[in-house]
Amino acid sequence: MAIRIIVKDPDPVLREISKPVTKINANIHKLLNDMADTMYDAEGVGLAAPQIGILKRVIVMDVGDEHGLIELINPEVIEKEGEQFGPEGCLSIPGKTGDVRRAQRVKVKGLDRDGNEIVIEGTDLLARCILHEVDHLNGVLYTDLAEAMYRNEHGGES
């Protein structure tokens, strides 16, 4: 396990579309472990592989709820409903937050670290986090969607 360097905007890797994982092996397990360590070290609630320079469809999240650490390989949003509007930040865009409109509830399917298909349903912050991280896999940053941007004086990022 290791702490990786988080890529910062405007690094072009953040605008690339990530490739699906075709084989889950020790390298993917190490990637998941390193991503979780990096996310926790940076005090974030989510991290996508492109944020550490790896164009694979892998995300990790922990919004501090009953789900704990969520690891998803090849995540795909299968349902969205409702609407929420609120602030987001990003470890790749330090010092800024912006107000973004997202679905209130989402359902996402993907693979766990053992290659089993899993379905995660989230509302509120977890829904926001899932959509934010899946956007990263498609080269989309929250700043593309923000209706207003703010400089965060306290340095807290998500």
N, C-alpha and C. Protein backbone atom coordinates (compact mmCIF):
# COMPACT_ATOMS: atom_id res chain seq x y z
N MET A 1 0.84 -1.18 0.00
CA MET A 1 0.00 0.00 0.00
C MET A 1 0.88 1.24 0.00
N ALA A 2 0.39 2.25 -0.68
CA ALA A 2 1.18 3.47 -0.81
C ALA A 2 0.27 4.65 -1.06
N ILE A 3 0.78 5.81 -0.69
CA ILE A 3 0.08 7.06 -0.98
C ILE A 3 0.57 7.51 -2.35
N ARG A 4 -0.34 7.72 -3.26
CA ARG A 4 0.01 8.17 -4.61
C ARG A 4 -0.14 9.69 -4.71
N ILE A 5 0.51 10.25 -5.71
CA ILE A 5 0.40 11.68 -5.98
C ILE A 5 -0.92 11.93 -6.71
N ILE A 6 -1.67 12.90 -6.22
CA ILE A 6 -2.95 13.24 -6.84
C ILE A 6 -2.70 14.25 -7.96
N VAL A 7 -3.17 13.90 -9.15
CA VAL A 7 -3.04 14.74 -10.34
C VAL A 7 -3.94 15.96 -10.17
N LYS A 8 -3.41 17.13 -10.54
CA LYS A 8 -4.17 18.37 -10.40
C LYS A 8 -4.59 18.91 -11.76
N ASP A 9 -5.77 19.52 -11.79
CA ASP A 9 -6.26 20.22 -12.97
C ASP A 9 -5.28 21.37 -13.25
N PRO A 10 -4.83 21.60 -14.47
CA PRO A 10 -5.37 21.16 -15.75
C PRO A 10 -4.63 19.99 -16.41
N ASP A 11 -4.08 19.06 -15.65
CA ASP A 11 -3.40 17.91 -16.24
C ASP A 11 -4.36 17.22 -17.22
N PRO A 12 -3.92 17.00 -18.48
CA PRO A 12 -4.82 16.43 -19.49
C PRO A 12 -5.33 15.02 -19.18
N VAL A 13 -4.67 14.27 -18.32
CA VAL A 13 -5.15 12.93 -17.98
C VAL A 13 -6.55 12.99 -17.36
N LEU A 14 -6.86 14.11 -16.70
CA LEU A 14 -8.18 14.26 -16.07
C LEU A 14 -9.30 14.40 -17.09
N ARG A 15 -8.95 14.66 -18.35
CA ARG A 15 -9.95 14.83 -19.42
C ARG A 15 -10.06 13.61 -20.33
N GLU A 16 -9.31 12.57 -20.01
CA GLU A 16 -9.35 11.34 -20.81
C GLU A 16 -10.47 10.42 -20.34
N ILE A 17 -10.92 9.55 -21.22
CA ILE A 17 -11.92 8.54 -20.87
C ILE A 17 -11.16 7.28 -20.44
N SER A 18 -11.50 6.78 -19.26
CA SER A 18 -10.81 5.61 -18.71
C SER A 18 -11.27 4.33 -19.40
N LYS A 19 -10.37 3.37 -19.43
CA LYS A 19 -10.65 2.09 -20.07
C LYS A 19 -11.19 1.08 -19.04
N PRO A 20 -12.11 0.21 -19.48
CA PRO A 20 -12.62 -0.82 -18.56
C PRO A 20 -11.50 -1.76 -18.11
N VAL A 21 -11.64 -2.26 -16.89
CA VAL A 21 -10.73 -3.28 -16.38
C VAL A 21 -11.20 -4.61 -16.95
N THR A 22 -10.29 -5.32 -17.62
CA THR A 22 -10.65 -6.60 -18.24
C THR A 22 -10.21 -7.80 -17.40
N LYS A 23 -9.27 -7.57 -16.49
CA LYS A 23 -8.75 -8.66 -15.68
C LYS A 23 -8.46 -8.14 -14.27
N ILE A 24 -9.10 -8.76 -13.29
CA ILE A 24 -8.85 -8.37 -11.91
C ILE A 24 -7.75 -9.28 -11.37
N ASN A 25 -6.65 -8.64 -10.99
CA ASN A 25 -5.48 -9.38 -10.54
C ASN A 25 -4.81 -8.63 -9.40
N ALA A 26 -3.61 -9.04 -9.03
CA ALA A 26 -2.88 -8.41 -7.92
C ALA A 26 -2.63 -6.92 -8.19
N ASN A 27 -2.43 -6.55 -9.45
CA ASN A 27 -2.20 -5.13 -9.76
C ASN A 27 -3.44 -4.29 -9.47
N ILE A 28 -4.61 -4.82 -9.76
CA ILE A 28 -5.86 -4.10 -9.48
C ILE A 28 -6.07 -4.04 -7.97
N HIS A 29 -5.76 -5.11 -7.26
CA HIS A 29 -5.89 -5.09 -5.79
C HIS A 29 -4.97 -4.04 -5.19
N LYS A 30 -3.74 -3.94 -5.69
CA LYS A 30 -2.80 -2.94 -5.21
C LYS A 30 -3.31 -1.54 -5.53
N LEU A 31 -3.87 -1.37 -6.74
CA LEU A 31 -4.43 -0.08 -7.12
C LEU A 31 -5.55 0.32 -6.15
N LEU A 32 -6.47 -0.59 -5.87
CA LEU A 32 -7.56 -0.31 -4.93
C LEU A 32 -7.03 0.07 -3.55
N ASN A 33 -6.05 -0.67 -3.06
CA ASN A 33 -5.46 -0.37 -1.75
C ASN A 33 -4.80 1.00 -1.74
N ASP A 34 -4.01 1.28 -2.78
CA ASP A 34 -3.31 2.57 -2.87
C ASP A 34 -4.30 3.72 -2.99
N MET A 35 -5.37 3.52 -3.77
CA MET A 35 -6.37 4.57 -3.92
C MET A 35 -7.05 4.87 -2.59
N ALA A 36 -7.40 3.84 -1.83
CA ALA A 36 -8.03 4.06 -0.52
C ALA A 36 -7.07 4.79 0.41
N ASP A 37 -5.81 4.35 0.46
CA ASP A 37 -4.82 5.01 1.30
C ASP A 37 -4.66 6.48 0.91
N THR A 38 -4.62 6.74 -0.39
CA THR A 38 -4.44 8.11 -0.89
C THR A 38 -5.65 8.97 -0.54
N MET A 39 -6.85 8.42 -0.74
CA MET A 39 -8.08 9.16 -0.42
C MET A 39 -8.13 9.51 1.06
N TYR A 40 -7.87 8.54 1.93
CA TYR A 40 -7.92 8.80 3.36
C TYR A 40 -6.83 9.79 3.78
N ASP A 41 -5.63 9.65 3.22
CA ASP A 41 -4.53 10.56 3.56
C ASP A 41 -4.88 12.00 3.18
N ALA A 42 -5.58 12.17 2.05
CA ALA A 42 -5.95 13.51 1.57
C ALA A 42 -7.25 14.01 2.21
N GLU A 43 -7.85 13.18 3.07
CA GLU A 43 -9.10 13.51 3.74
C GLU A 43 -10.23 13.78 2.75
N GLY A 44 -10.26 12.96 1.69
CA GLY A 44 -11.33 13.04 0.70
C GLY A 44 -12.39 11.99 0.99
N VAL A 45 -13.50 12.05 0.23
CA VAL A 45 -14.56 11.06 0.38
C VAL A 45 -14.66 10.16 -0.85
N GLY A 46 -13.87 10.46 -1.88
CA GLY A 46 -13.88 9.65 -3.08
C GLY A 46 -12.63 9.90 -3.89
N LEU A 47 -12.26 8.92 -4.70
CA LEU A 47 -11.10 9.05 -5.58
C LEU A 47 -11.30 8.12 -6.77
N ALA A 48 -11.01 8.64 -7.95
CA ALA A 48 -11.07 7.85 -9.18
C ALA A 48 -9.64 7.63 -9.69
N ALA A 49 -9.40 6.49 -10.33
CA ALA A 49 -8.06 6.16 -10.80
C ALA A 49 -7.41 7.25 -11.65
N PRO A 50 -8.15 7.96 -12.53
CA PRO A 50 -7.49 9.02 -13.30
C PRO A 50 -6.87 10.11 -12.42
N GLN A 51 -7.38 10.27 -11.21
CA GLN A 51 -6.85 11.28 -10.30
C GLN A 51 -5.45 10.93 -9.79
N ILE A 52 -5.05 9.69 -9.99
CA ILE A 52 -3.66 9.33 -9.69
C ILE A 52 -2.94 8.92 -10.98
N GLY A 53 -3.49 9.38 -12.11
CA GLY A 53 -2.83 9.20 -13.40
C GLY A 53 -3.03 7.86 -14.06
N ILE A 54 -4.01 7.08 -13.61
CA ILE A 54 -4.24 5.74 -14.16
C ILE A 54 -5.61 5.72 -14.84
N LEU A 55 -5.61 5.49 -16.14
CA LEU A 55 -6.85 5.53 -16.92
C LEU A 55 -7.57 4.19 -16.93
N LYS A 56 -7.99 3.78 -15.75
CA LYS A 56 -8.78 2.55 -15.56
C LYS A 56 -10.07 2.93 -14.87
N ARG A 57 -11.13 2.19 -15.14
CA ARG A 57 -12.45 2.48 -14.57
C ARG A 57 -12.55 1.88 -13.16
N VAL A 58 -11.90 2.56 -12.23
CA VAL A 58 -11.84 2.13 -10.83
C VAL A 58 -12.08 3.35 -9.94
N ILE A 59 -12.99 3.20 -8.95
CA ILE A 59 -13.23 4.27 -7.99
C ILE A 59 -13.29 3.70 -6.58
N VAL A 60 -12.96 4.55 -5.61
CA VAL A 60 -13.14 4.22 -4.20
C VAL A 60 -13.86 5.39 -3.54
N MET A 61 -14.69 5.08 -2.55
CA MET A 61 -15.45 6.11 -1.84
C MET A 61 -15.65 5.70 -0.40
N ASP A 62 -15.72 6.70 0.47
CA ASP A 62 -16.12 6.48 1.85
C ASP A 62 -16.67 7.80 2.37
N VAL A 63 -18.00 7.88 2.42
CA VAL A 63 -18.64 9.13 2.85
C VAL A 63 -18.94 9.12 4.35
N GLY A 64 -18.42 8.11 5.06
CA GLY A 64 -18.59 8.06 6.50
C GLY A 64 -19.94 7.51 6.94
N ASP A 65 -20.60 6.76 6.08
CA ASP A 65 -21.90 6.17 6.46
C ASP A 65 -21.74 4.67 6.68
N GLU A 66 -22.87 3.98 6.75
CA GLU A 66 -22.85 2.54 7.05
C GLU A 66 -22.19 1.70 5.96
N HIS A 67 -22.03 2.25 4.76
CA HIS A 67 -21.38 1.50 3.68
C HIS A 67 -19.88 1.33 3.92
N GLY A 68 -19.26 2.26 4.64
CA GLY A 68 -17.81 2.22 4.83
C GLY A 68 -17.11 2.41 3.49
N LEU A 69 -15.96 1.76 3.33
CA LEU A 69 -15.21 1.87 2.08
C LEU A 69 -15.93 1.10 0.98
N ILE A 70 -16.18 1.80 -0.12
CA ILE A 70 -16.78 1.19 -1.31
C ILE A 70 -15.71 1.18 -2.40
N GLU A 71 -15.47 0.00 -2.96
CA GLU A 71 -14.56 -0.15 -4.09
C GLU A 71 -15.39 -0.62 -5.27
N LEU A 72 -15.29 0.09 -6.39
CA LEU A 72 -16.05 -0.31 -7.58
C LEU A 72 -15.14 -0.33 -8.80
N ILE A 73 -15.20 -1.44 -9.50
CA ILE A 73 -14.47 -1.62 -10.75
C ILE A 73 -15.51 -1.60 -11.87
N ASN A 74 -15.25 -0.85 -12.92
CA ASN A 74 -16.16 -0.70 -14.06
C ASN A 74 -17.57 -0.27 -13.62
N PRO A 75 -17.67 0.78 -12.78
CA PRO A 75 -19.00 1.21 -12.33
C PRO A 75 -19.85 1.75 -13.47
N GLU A 76 -21.13 1.47 -13.38
CA GLU A 76 -22.09 1.94 -14.38
C GLU A 76 -23.36 2.38 -13.65
N VAL A 77 -23.75 3.63 -13.85
CA VAL A 77 -24.96 4.14 -13.22
C VAL A 77 -26.15 3.54 -13.97
N ILE A 78 -27.03 2.87 -13.22
CA ILE A 78 -28.18 2.21 -13.86
C ILE A 78 -29.51 2.88 -13.52
N GLU A 79 -29.54 3.71 -12.48
CA GLU A 79 -30.76 4.45 -12.14
C GLU A 79 -30.39 5.78 -11.50
N LYS A 80 -31.17 6.81 -11.82
CA LYS A 80 -31.03 8.12 -11.17
C LYS A 80 -32.43 8.67 -10.97
N GLU A 81 -32.66 9.31 -9.82
CA GLU A 81 -33.94 9.97 -9.64
C GLU A 81 -33.81 11.13 -8.66
N GLY A 82 -34.73 12.05 -8.77
CA GLY A 82 -34.76 13.21 -7.90
C GLY A 82 -33.65 14.19 -8.24
N GLU A 83 -33.55 15.20 -7.39
CA GLU A 83 -32.53 16.22 -7.62
C GLU A 83 -32.07 16.81 -6.29
N GLN A 84 -30.78 17.07 -6.22
CA GLN A 84 -30.21 17.80 -5.10
C GLN A 84 -29.27 18.85 -5.69
N PHE A 85 -29.07 19.91 -4.95
CA PHE A 85 -28.21 20.99 -5.40
C PHE A 85 -27.35 21.40 -4.21
N GLY A 86 -26.03 21.34 -4.41
CA GLY A 86 -25.17 21.70 -3.29
C GLY A 86 -23.70 21.72 -3.67
N PRO A 87 -22.86 22.00 -2.67
CA PRO A 87 -21.43 22.20 -2.93
C PRO A 87 -20.67 20.90 -3.15
N GLU A 88 -19.69 20.97 -4.04
CA GLU A 88 -18.74 19.88 -4.25
C GLU A 88 -17.34 20.47 -4.30
N GLY A 89 -16.40 19.65 -3.94
CA GLY A 89 -14.99 19.97 -4.10
C GLY A 89 -14.33 18.77 -4.75
N CYS A 90 -13.04 18.87 -4.97
CA CYS A 90 -12.33 17.77 -5.64
C CYS A 90 -10.86 17.81 -5.24
N LEU A 91 -10.31 16.65 -4.95
CA LEU A 91 -8.90 16.57 -4.57
C LEU A 91 -7.99 17.02 -5.72
N SER A 92 -8.48 16.97 -6.95
CA SER A 92 -7.69 17.41 -8.10
C SER A 92 -7.83 18.90 -8.39
N ILE A 93 -8.72 19.57 -7.64
CA ILE A 93 -8.92 21.02 -7.82
C ILE A 93 -8.93 21.64 -6.42
N PRO A 94 -7.76 21.67 -5.76
CA PRO A 94 -7.71 22.13 -4.37
C PRO A 94 -8.09 23.60 -4.22
N GLY A 95 -8.72 23.89 -3.09
CA GLY A 95 -9.02 25.27 -2.75
C GLY A 95 -10.27 25.84 -3.36
N LYS A 96 -11.04 25.04 -4.09
CA LYS A 96 -12.26 25.54 -4.72
C LYS A 96 -13.42 24.60 -4.43
N THR A 97 -14.61 25.16 -4.40
CA THR A 97 -15.83 24.38 -4.35
C THR A 97 -16.81 25.02 -5.33
N GLY A 98 -17.82 24.25 -5.70
CA GLY A 98 -18.83 24.78 -6.60
C GLY A 98 -20.16 24.11 -6.34
N ASP A 99 -21.23 24.81 -6.65
CA ASP A 99 -22.58 24.26 -6.48
C ASP A 99 -22.98 23.49 -7.73
N VAL A 100 -23.33 22.22 -7.52
CA VAL A 100 -23.63 21.31 -8.63
C VAL A 100 -24.99 20.66 -8.40
N ARG A 101 -25.75 20.51 -9.48
CA ARG A 101 -27.04 19.82 -9.46
C ARG A 101 -26.77 18.35 -9.80
N ARG A 102 -27.22 17.46 -8.93
CA ARG A 102 -27.04 16.01 -9.11
C ARG A 102 -28.34 15.30 -8.78
N ALA A 103 -28.41 14.02 -9.12
CA ALA A 103 -29.55 13.20 -8.73
C ALA A 103 -29.53 13.00 -7.21
N GLN A 104 -30.71 12.90 -6.62
CA GLN A 104 -30.85 12.68 -5.18
C GLN A 104 -30.58 11.23 -4.81
N ARG A 105 -30.93 10.31 -5.73
CA ARG A 105 -30.73 8.88 -5.49
C ARG A 105 -30.16 8.26 -6.75
N VAL A 106 -29.16 7.40 -6.56
CA VAL A 106 -28.59 6.68 -7.70
C VAL A 106 -28.41 5.22 -7.34
N LYS A 107 -28.40 4.41 -8.39
CA LYS A 107 -28.05 3.00 -8.25
C LYS A 107 -26.94 2.75 -9.25
N VAL A 108 -25.88 2.11 -8.79
CA VAL A 108 -24.73 1.84 -9.65
C VAL A 108 -24.37 0.37 -9.52
N LYS A 109 -23.97 -0.22 -10.64
CA LYS A 109 -23.48 -1.60 -10.58
C LYS A 109 -22.03 -1.61 -11.04
N GLY A 110 -21.31 -2.57 -10.54
CA GLY A 110 -19.91 -2.73 -10.90
C GLY A 110 -19.40 -4.02 -10.32
N LEU A 111 -18.10 -4.16 -10.31
CA LEU A 111 -17.47 -5.35 -9.76
C LEU A 111 -16.73 -5.00 -8.48
N ASP A 112 -16.73 -5.94 -7.54
CA ASP A 112 -15.91 -5.75 -6.35
C ASP A 112 -14.50 -6.28 -6.63
N ARG A 113 -13.63 -6.23 -5.65
CA ARG A 113 -12.23 -6.64 -5.86
C ARG A 113 -12.07 -8.12 -6.19
N ASP A 114 -13.12 -8.91 -5.96
CA ASP A 114 -13.06 -10.33 -6.28
C ASP A 114 -13.73 -10.65 -7.62
N GLY A 115 -14.19 -9.61 -8.32
CA GLY A 115 -14.82 -9.82 -9.62
C GLY A 115 -16.30 -10.13 -9.56
N ASN A 116 -16.89 -10.05 -8.36
CA ASN A 116 -18.32 -10.28 -8.20
C ASN A 116 -19.09 -9.02 -8.55
N GLU A 117 -20.23 -9.18 -9.26
CA GLU A 117 -21.05 -8.01 -9.55
C GLU A 117 -21.74 -7.55 -8.28
N ILE A 118 -21.70 -6.25 -8.04
CA ILE A 118 -22.38 -5.67 -6.89
C ILE A 118 -23.21 -4.48 -7.35
N VAL A 119 -24.25 -4.20 -6.59
CA VAL A 119 -25.10 -3.05 -6.86
C VAL A 119 -25.13 -2.22 -5.58
N ILE A 120 -24.84 -0.93 -5.73
CA ILE A 120 -24.85 0.00 -4.60
C ILE A 120 -25.92 1.06 -4.88
N GLU A 121 -26.74 1.31 -3.88
CA GLU A 121 -27.73 2.37 -3.99
C GLU A 121 -27.35 3.44 -2.98
N GLY A 122 -27.38 4.70 -3.43
CA GLY A 122 -27.02 5.78 -2.53
C GLY A 122 -27.92 6.98 -2.70
N THR A 123 -28.07 7.71 -1.60
CA THR A 123 -28.82 8.97 -1.63
C THR A 123 -27.92 10.06 -1.07
N ASP A 124 -28.35 11.30 -1.25
CA ASP A 124 -27.69 12.45 -0.65
C ASP A 124 -26.19 12.47 -1.00
N LEU A 125 -25.32 12.51 0.04
CA LEU A 125 -23.87 12.65 -0.21
C LEU A 125 -23.32 11.45 -0.98
N LEU A 126 -23.76 10.25 -0.68
CA LEU A 126 -23.25 9.08 -1.41
C LEU A 126 -23.64 9.15 -2.89
N ALA A 127 -24.86 9.55 -3.17
CA ALA A 127 -25.28 9.70 -4.58
C ALA A 127 -24.40 10.73 -5.28
N ARG A 128 -24.16 11.86 -4.62
CA ARG A 128 -23.32 12.91 -5.18
C ARG A 128 -21.90 12.39 -5.44
N CYS A 129 -21.38 11.66 -4.48
CA CYS A 129 -20.02 11.12 -4.59
C CYS A 129 -19.91 10.12 -5.73
N ILE A 130 -20.87 9.20 -5.83
CA ILE A 130 -20.86 8.21 -6.91
C ILE A 130 -20.83 8.91 -8.26
N LEU A 131 -21.73 9.87 -8.45
CA LEU A 131 -21.81 10.57 -9.74
C LEU A 131 -20.55 11.37 -10.03
N HIS A 132 -19.99 12.00 -9.02
CA HIS A 132 -18.75 12.77 -9.16
C HIS A 132 -17.61 11.86 -9.62
N GLU A 133 -17.47 10.70 -8.96
CA GLU A 133 -16.36 9.79 -9.29
C GLU A 133 -16.56 9.13 -10.65
N VAL A 134 -17.78 8.75 -10.99
CA VAL A 134 -18.03 8.17 -12.31
C VAL A 134 -17.75 9.22 -13.39
N ASP A 135 -18.09 10.48 -13.13
CA ASP A 135 -17.75 11.55 -14.08
C ASP A 135 -16.25 11.58 -14.37
N HIS A 136 -15.43 11.42 -13.31
CA HIS A 136 -13.97 11.41 -13.51
C HIS A 136 -13.56 10.35 -14.54
N LEU A 137 -14.23 9.21 -14.53
CA LEU A 137 -13.88 8.12 -15.46
C LEU A 137 -14.20 8.49 -16.90
N ASN A 138 -15.05 9.50 -17.07
CA ASN A 138 -15.44 9.96 -18.41
C ASN A 138 -14.82 11.30 -18.77
N GLY A 139 -13.82 11.72 -18.00
CA GLY A 139 -13.11 12.96 -18.31
C GLY A 139 -13.89 14.22 -17.97
N VAL A 140 -14.89 14.10 -17.10
CA VAL A 140 -15.72 15.23 -16.70
C VAL A 140 -15.34 15.65 -15.28
N LEU A 141 -15.14 16.95 -15.09
CA LEU A 141 -14.86 17.50 -13.77
C LEU A 141 -16.09 18.24 -13.26
N TYR A 142 -16.23 18.31 -11.94
CA TYR A 142 -17.40 18.98 -11.38
C TYR A 142 -17.47 20.44 -11.82
N THR A 143 -16.33 21.04 -12.11
CA THR A 143 -16.31 22.44 -12.55
C THR A 143 -17.04 22.61 -13.89
N ASP A 144 -17.15 21.55 -14.67
CA ASP A 144 -17.90 21.60 -15.93
C ASP A 144 -19.40 21.75 -15.66
N LEU A 145 -19.85 21.31 -14.49
CA LEU A 145 -21.27 21.28 -14.16
C LEU A 145 -21.67 22.35 -13.15
N ALA A 146 -20.69 22.96 -12.50
CA ALA A 146 -20.98 23.90 -11.40
C ALA A 146 -21.69 25.14 -11.91
N GLU A 147 -22.69 25.55 -11.15
CA GLU A 147 -23.42 26.76 -11.49
C GLU A 147 -22.80 27.99 -10.85
N ALA A 148 -22.02 27.79 -9.79
CA ALA A 148 -21.27 28.88 -9.15
C ALA A 148 -20.03 28.26 -8.52
N MET A 149 -18.91 28.98 -8.58
CA MET A 149 -17.65 28.48 -8.02
C MET A 149 -17.22 29.40 -6.87
N TYR A 150 -16.58 28.79 -5.88
CA TYR A 150 -16.12 29.55 -4.71
C TYR A 150 -14.70 29.14 -4.38
N ARG A 151 -13.94 30.07 -3.85
CA ARG A 151 -12.63 29.77 -3.30
C ARG A 151 -12.88 29.32 -1.88
N ASN A 152 -12.34 28.17 -1.50
CA ASN A 152 -12.54 27.63 -0.15
C ASN A 152 -11.38 28.08 0.71
N GLU A 153 -11.65 28.95 1.65
CA GLU A 153 -10.62 29.50 2.51
C GLU A 153 -10.07 28.49 3.50
N HIS A 154 -10.84 27.43 3.79
CA HIS A 154 -10.44 26.49 4.82
C HIS A 154 -9.66 25.29 4.28
N GLY A 155 -9.59 25.15 2.98
CA GLY A 155 -8.79 24.09 2.38
C GLY A 155 -9.42 22.71 2.42
N GLY A 156 -10.62 22.57 2.94
CA GLY A 156 -11.26 21.25 2.99
C GLY A 156 -11.75 20.84 1.62
N GLU A 157 -11.41 19.63 1.20
CA GLU A 157 -11.79 19.15 -0.14
C GLU A 157 -12.52 17.84 0.00
N SER A 158 -13.28 17.51 -1.03
CA SER A 158 -13.92 16.19 -1.05
C SER A 158 -13.54 15.46 -2.30
